[in-house]
Structure formats: structure tokens, C-alpha cells
Amino acid sequence: MGETGGLLLGTERRLQVGGRRVTVVGLGRSGLAACRLLASAGATVTASDRSQADALAVDLASLRALGVRLEAGAHRPDTILEA
């Protein structure tokens, strides 16, 4: 992470997501990685997946420990619009 709380993307670019609300749709490999990356960069992350929580092949406790809010069973329009 960079000195200003952003995530370093190269020698001069930083991803500035600290304090922003972000919704990640889908908790496959890339969605899980996105949740971890964004949460570690300071974003307020909501993860949405259409599968029920007990059917997800994801360690939900590890996401919750990062502060990720989880929504399973459907993609609710309000979740997407509020990001």
C-alpha cells in the first residue's frame, strides 16, 4: 500500500478507494480476490453472490474478518445502486 492509503498500481499510479463504498458481484476466484484487495486498500466492501451462503466455496469468515459485508442468494438492485 502506498503512503496515502491507496493501493500501488505501478510506479506512479495508485488505486484510491479508501472510504469508498464498493460492491463486488460474484464470489468466484476473481471476486474473492477483488474483495480482499479492496478491503485491504480501505474500501467499504459489499460482496454479492446469487448462490446461497452455504453453497459458496469461499471462506466467508475470512471475508467478514476483513469487514466485507456479505449478501448471498440474490443480487439485490439496491446493493448495486448504493455502491
Protein backbone atom coordinates (compact mmCIF):
# COMPACT_ATOMS: atom_id res chain seq x y z
CA MET A 1 0.00 0.00 0.00
CA GLY A 2 1.15 3.47 -0.67
CA GLU A 3 1.81 6.19 1.83
CA THR A 4 -1.56 7.88 1.20
CA GLY A 5 -3.59 4.74 1.81
CA GLY A 6 -4.03 3.94 -1.86
CA LEU A 7 -3.03 0.68 -3.44
CA LEU A 8 0.10 0.99 -5.57
CA LEU A 9 -0.62 0.06 -9.20
CA GLY A 10 2.75 0.87 -10.69
CA THR A 11 5.50 3.35 -10.23
CA GLU A 12 3.18 6.37 -10.26
CA ARG A 13 -0.45 5.27 -10.17
CA ARG A 14 -2.46 4.43 -7.05
CA LEU A 15 -5.91 3.00 -6.63
CA GLN A 16 -7.67 5.44 -4.30
CA VAL A 17 -10.56 3.57 -2.70
CA GLY A 18 -10.17 4.42 0.98
CA GLY A 19 -13.56 5.31 2.43
CA ARG A 20 -15.44 4.49 -0.79
CA ARG A 21 -18.31 2.02 -0.99
CA VAL A 22 -17.68 -0.79 -3.45
CA THR A 23 -19.85 -3.74 -4.44
CA VAL A 24 -18.23 -6.89 -5.82
CA VAL A 25 -20.67 -9.05 -7.79
CA GLY A 26 -19.81 -12.73 -7.67
CA LEU A 27 -17.55 -14.59 -5.27
CA GLY A 28 -15.59 -16.73 -7.68
CA ARG A 29 -11.80 -16.51 -7.65
CA SER A 30 -11.60 -13.01 -9.08
CA GLY A 31 -14.47 -11.69 -6.92
CA LEU A 32 -12.84 -13.07 -3.79
CA ALA A 33 -9.50 -11.54 -4.76
CA ALA A 34 -11.20 -8.21 -5.51
CA CYS A 35 -12.87 -8.21 -2.07
CA ARG A 36 -9.57 -8.82 -0.32
CA LEU A 37 -7.70 -6.24 -2.39
CA LEU A 38 -10.32 -3.52 -2.00
CA ALA A 39 -10.82 -4.13 1.72
CA SER A 40 -7.07 -4.03 2.34
CA ALA A 41 -6.95 -0.70 0.47
CA GLY A 42 -9.56 0.79 2.81
CA ALA A 43 -12.78 0.46 0.81
CA THR A 44 -16.11 -0.42 2.42
CA VAL A 45 -16.85 -3.63 0.52
CA THR A 46 -20.11 -5.46 -0.04
CA ALA A 47 -19.90 -8.84 -1.79
CA SER A 48 -22.99 -10.14 -3.56
CA ASP A 49 -23.44 -13.65 -4.93
CA ARG A 50 -26.55 -15.33 -6.31
CA SER A 51 -25.68 -18.62 -4.59
CA GLN A 52 -26.80 -19.31 -1.04
CA ALA A 53 -24.08 -18.79 1.58
CA ASP A 54 -23.85 -22.50 2.43
CA ALA A 55 -23.26 -23.33 -1.25
CA LEU A 56 -20.36 -20.91 -1.73
CA ALA A 57 -16.89 -22.45 -1.90
CA VAL A 58 -15.48 -19.42 -0.10
CA ASP A 59 -14.23 -18.88 3.43
CA LEU A 60 -16.90 -16.36 4.42
CA ALA A 61 -15.42 -15.90 7.89
CA SER A 62 -12.18 -14.60 6.40
CA LEU A 63 -14.10 -12.02 4.36
CA ARG A 64 -16.12 -10.94 7.39
CA ALA A 65 -12.89 -10.57 9.35
CA LEU A 66 -11.78 -8.04 6.71
CA GLY A 67 -15.03 -6.12 7.23
CA VAL A 68 -16.65 -7.30 3.99
CA ARG A 69 -20.45 -7.25 4.14
CA LEU A 70 -21.89 -10.39 2.54
CA GLU A 71 -25.11 -10.75 0.60
CA ALA A 72 -25.96 -14.24 -0.66
CA GLY A 73 -28.89 -15.76 -2.50
CA ALA A 74 -29.50 -12.90 -4.93
CA HIS A 75 -28.09 -9.72 -6.38
CA ARG A 76 -30.32 -7.04 -4.89
CA PRO A 77 -30.64 -3.93 -7.05
CA ASP A 78 -30.26 -1.61 -4.05
CA THR A 79 -26.87 -3.13 -3.24
CA ILE A 80 -25.60 -2.37 -6.72
CA LEU A 81 -27.10 1.13 -6.86
CA GLU A 82 -25.75 2.14 -3.43
CA ALA A 83 -22.13 1.38 -4.34
